[in-house]
Amino acid sequence: MLTERFTTALTYATQLHAKQVRKGSGVPYIAHLLGAASIALEYGANEDEAIAALLHDAIEDQGGDVTRAEIRRRFGENVTAIVDGCTDADTTPKPPWKQRKQAYIAHIAIASPSVLLVSASDKLYNAQSILKDYRVLGESLWERFQAGREGTLWYYRALVDAFTKRGNNALIQELERVVTEIERQTANKK
């Protein structure tokens, strides 16, 4: 069961990301964090993992080291380690996109089971959003992404491959199905 710690984390995540919206959609960013946490819980997350899912973008998007220290103070070392494991950059400016993504993919090979669960939940939520938005927007969707169509498709396929090498559980299988469907729908639209 979830305790008051989860409620505290939900409030904190809502406050941290209050002015942030999803790329190109205007949807409040908290929707993504709730979605990632929901997926993680559906696939067996414990409370620390669920809290980390709510906070998985906090260090990257909302303050770097200062936010890391606050997460550690409020939620402990385990949650902080999971969030760190889901963070692809904690500096401003961020390193170049391709460099960050290649490093993140390489990190999956050594990530803890908790990081794998939260990261895969995050990536599944994102892939589901891409598929849903592609069905509405078509090719114009790719304008939202720094890497465009090709880079985004490369990244999600590389993530599936990296996660699968670590174990092919139900969460990874669902991620693979969604990414394959994105590839199928976009195959002849270049």
Protein backbone atom coordinates (compact mmCIF):
# COMPACT_ATOMS: atom_id res chain seq x y z
CA MET A 1 0.00 0.00 0.00
CA LEU A 2 1.04 3.57 -0.59
CA THR A 3 1.59 5.78 2.43
CA GLU A 4 1.74 9.49 3.16
CA ARG A 5 5.24 9.51 1.57
CA PHE A 6 3.64 8.91 -1.83
CA THR A 7 1.12 11.71 -1.26
CA THR A 8 3.97 14.01 -0.22
CA ALA A 9 5.90 13.06 -3.37
CA LEU A 10 2.84 13.69 -5.54
CA THR A 11 2.44 17.17 -4.06
CA TYR A 12 6.15 17.87 -4.44
CA ALA A 13 6.17 16.69 -8.09
CA THR A 14 3.10 18.81 -8.83
CA GLN A 15 4.80 21.87 -7.35
CA LEU A 16 8.13 21.23 -9.12
CA HIS A 17 6.55 20.80 -12.55
CA ALA A 18 3.66 23.28 -12.09
CA LYS A 19 4.71 25.50 -15.01
CA GLN A 20 5.84 22.71 -17.31
CA VAL A 21 3.77 21.26 -20.17
CA ARG A 22 4.28 18.33 -22.52
CA LYS A 23 6.08 19.11 -25.78
CA GLY A 24 3.74 20.61 -28.33
CA SER A 25 0.52 19.56 -26.60
CA GLY A 26 0.00 22.00 -23.76
CA VAL A 27 -0.94 19.09 -21.48
CA PRO A 28 0.22 19.75 -17.90
CA TYR A 29 3.45 17.83 -17.29
CA ILE A 30 2.05 16.17 -14.18
CA ALA A 31 -0.05 13.99 -16.51
CA HIS A 32 3.16 12.32 -17.71
CA LEU A 33 4.44 11.81 -14.17
CA LEU A 34 1.13 10.32 -13.05
CA GLY A 35 1.10 8.08 -16.12
CA ALA A 36 4.63 6.80 -15.51
CA ALA A 37 3.83 6.17 -11.84
CA SER A 38 0.60 4.38 -12.78
CA ILE A 39 2.41 2.10 -15.23
CA ALA A 40 5.15 1.37 -12.68
CA LEU A 41 2.54 0.46 -10.05
CA GLU A 42 0.66 -1.74 -12.53
CA TYR A 43 3.89 -3.64 -13.16
CA GLY A 44 4.69 -4.18 -9.49
CA ALA A 45 6.44 -1.05 -8.22
CA ASN A 46 6.95 -0.67 -4.51
CA GLU A 47 6.45 2.71 -2.87
CA ASP A 48 10.03 3.91 -3.43
CA GLU A 49 9.78 3.01 -7.12
CA ALA A 50 6.38 4.71 -7.43
CA ILE A 51 7.76 7.85 -5.78
CA ALA A 52 10.77 7.75 -8.10
CA ALA A 53 8.40 7.48 -11.07
CA LEU A 54 6.68 10.68 -9.93
CA LEU A 55 10.08 12.38 -9.59
CA HIS A 56 11.97 10.74 -12.48
CA ASP A 57 12.37 14.03 -14.40
CA ALA A 58 12.82 16.32 -11.39
CA ILE A 59 16.64 16.44 -11.34
CA GLU A 60 16.86 16.69 -15.13
CA ASP A 61 14.21 19.38 -15.61
CA GLN A 62 13.84 21.16 -12.28
CA GLY A 63 17.08 22.10 -10.61
CA GLY A 64 19.85 19.52 -10.90
CA ASP A 65 21.94 19.13 -7.74
CA VAL A 66 19.67 21.29 -5.58
CA THR A 67 16.66 19.14 -6.46
CA ARG A 68 18.69 15.94 -5.98
CA ALA A 69 19.59 17.04 -2.44
CA GLU A 70 15.95 17.86 -1.69
CA ILE A 71 14.76 14.47 -2.99
CA ARG A 72 17.40 12.79 -0.82
CA ARG A 73 16.30 14.79 2.23
CA ARG A 74 12.59 14.13 1.72
CA PHE A 75 12.53 10.59 0.32
CA GLY A 76 15.89 8.96 1.06
CA GLU A 77 18.84 7.50 -0.76
CA ASN A 78 16.96 4.70 -2.53
CA VAL A 79 14.48 7.03 -4.25
CA THR A 80 17.32 9.41 -5.13
CA ALA A 81 19.36 6.58 -6.68
CA ILE A 82 16.40 5.52 -8.84
CA VAL A 83 15.75 9.10 -10.00
CA ASP A 84 19.46 9.53 -10.75
CA GLY A 85 19.34 6.32 -12.79
CA CYS A 86 16.51 7.78 -14.89
CA THR A 87 18.26 11.12 -15.45
CA ASP A 88 20.06 11.58 -18.76
CA ALA A 89 21.50 15.03 -17.93
CA ASP A 90 21.60 17.22 -14.84
CA THR A 91 23.52 20.18 -16.25
CA THR A 92 22.54 23.31 -18.14
CA PRO A 93 23.03 23.41 -21.00
CA LYS A 94 22.44 19.72 -21.58
CA PRO A 95 24.97 17.79 -23.68
CA PRO A 96 23.99 17.17 -27.32
CA TRP A 97 20.86 15.03 -27.78
CA LYS A 98 22.48 12.01 -29.50
CA GLN A 99 25.32 11.88 -26.96
CA ARG A 100 22.85 11.94 -24.04
CA LYS A 101 20.65 9.26 -25.55
CA GLN A 102 23.55 6.93 -26.40
CA ALA A 103 24.85 7.26 -22.82
CA TYR A 104 21.36 6.57 -21.44
CA ILE A 105 20.98 3.46 -23.58
CA ALA A 106 24.42 2.22 -22.49
CA HIS A 107 23.45 2.81 -18.84
CA ILE A 108 20.50 0.40 -19.14
CA ALA A 109 22.97 -2.50 -19.27
CA ILE A 110 24.07 -1.81 -15.68
CA ALA A 111 20.97 -0.18 -14.20
CA SER A 112 19.31 -1.60 -11.10
CA PRO A 113 16.00 -3.46 -11.42
CA SER A 114 14.26 -0.45 -9.84
CA VAL A 115 15.75 1.94 -12.41
CA LEU A 116 14.74 -0.45 -15.20
CA LEU A 117 11.15 -0.55 -13.93
CA VAL A 118 10.79 3.22 -13.61
CA SER A 119 12.65 3.97 -16.84
CA ALA A 120 10.65 1.44 -18.86
CA SER A 121 7.42 2.82 -17.36
CA ASP A 122 8.46 6.33 -18.42
CA LYS A 123 9.39 5.16 -21.92
CA LEU A 124 6.14 3.18 -22.30
CA TYR A 125 4.09 6.22 -21.35
CA ASN A 126 6.04 8.33 -23.85
CA ALA A 127 5.69 5.74 -26.62
CA GLN A 128 1.94 5.47 -26.00
CA SER A 129 1.69 9.27 -26.22
CA ILE A 130 3.67 9.32 -29.47
CA LEU A 131 1.39 6.67 -30.99
CA LYS A 132 -1.78 8.43 -29.84
CA ASP A 133 -0.58 11.83 -31.06
CA TYR A 134 0.69 10.41 -34.37
CA ARG A 135 -2.79 9.05 -35.10
CA VAL A 136 -4.16 12.60 -34.71
CA LEU A 137 -1.33 14.76 -36.07
CA GLY A 138 0.39 12.51 -38.59
CA GLU A 139 3.88 13.47 -39.71
CA SER A 140 3.68 16.93 -38.16
CA LEU A 141 4.12 15.22 -34.77
CA TRP A 142 7.85 14.85 -35.40
CA GLU A 143 8.31 18.63 -35.33
CA ARG A 144 7.98 18.39 -31.52
CA PHE A 145 11.12 16.32 -31.23
CA GLN A 146 14.66 17.63 -31.43
CA ALA A 147 15.76 14.49 -33.27
CA GLY A 148 12.76 14.44 -35.60
CA ARG A 149 11.20 11.27 -36.91
CA GLU A 150 14.35 9.25 -37.62
CA GLY A 151 16.12 10.06 -34.38
CA THR A 152 13.05 9.45 -32.24
CA LEU A 153 12.32 6.10 -33.90
CA TRP A 154 15.99 5.10 -33.56
CA TYR A 155 15.96 6.00 -29.85
CA TYR A 156 12.83 4.02 -28.99
CA ARG A 157 13.96 0.92 -30.91
CA ALA A 158 17.39 1.13 -29.23
CA LEU A 159 15.67 1.40 -25.83
CA VAL A 160 13.56 -1.70 -26.54
CA ASP A 161 16.68 -3.62 -27.58
CA ALA A 162 18.60 -2.50 -24.46
CA PHE A 163 15.74 -3.32 -22.09
CA THR A 164 15.18 -6.70 -23.75
CA LYS A 165 18.83 -7.64 -23.17
CA ARG A 166 18.20 -7.13 -19.45
CA GLY A 167 15.09 -9.31 -19.42
CA ASN A 168 11.93 -9.70 -21.42
CA ASN A 169 9.18 -9.17 -18.86
CA ALA A 170 5.58 -8.06 -19.49
CA LEU A 171 6.45 -4.35 -19.25
CA ILE A 172 9.22 -4.62 -21.84
CA GLN A 173 6.97 -6.72 -24.07
CA GLU A 174 4.32 -3.98 -23.96
CA LEU A 175 6.92 -1.32 -24.75
CA GLU A 176 8.08 -3.43 -27.69
CA ARG A 177 4.50 -3.78 -28.98
CA VAL A 178 3.88 -0.03 -28.84
CA VAL A 179 7.20 0.86 -30.49
CA THR A 180 6.58 -1.73 -33.22
CA GLU A 181 3.14 -0.20 -33.83
CA ILE A 182 4.68 3.29 -34.14
CA GLU A 183 7.20 1.90 -36.63
CA ARG A 184 4.43 0.11 -38.54
CA GLN A 185 2.20 3.18 -38.77
CA THR A 186 5.05 5.46 -39.86
CA ALA A 187 6.80 2.98 -42.19
CA ASN A 188 5.65 4.39 -45.50
CA LYS A 189 5.23 8.02 -44.51
CA LYS A 190 8.75 9.34 -45.08
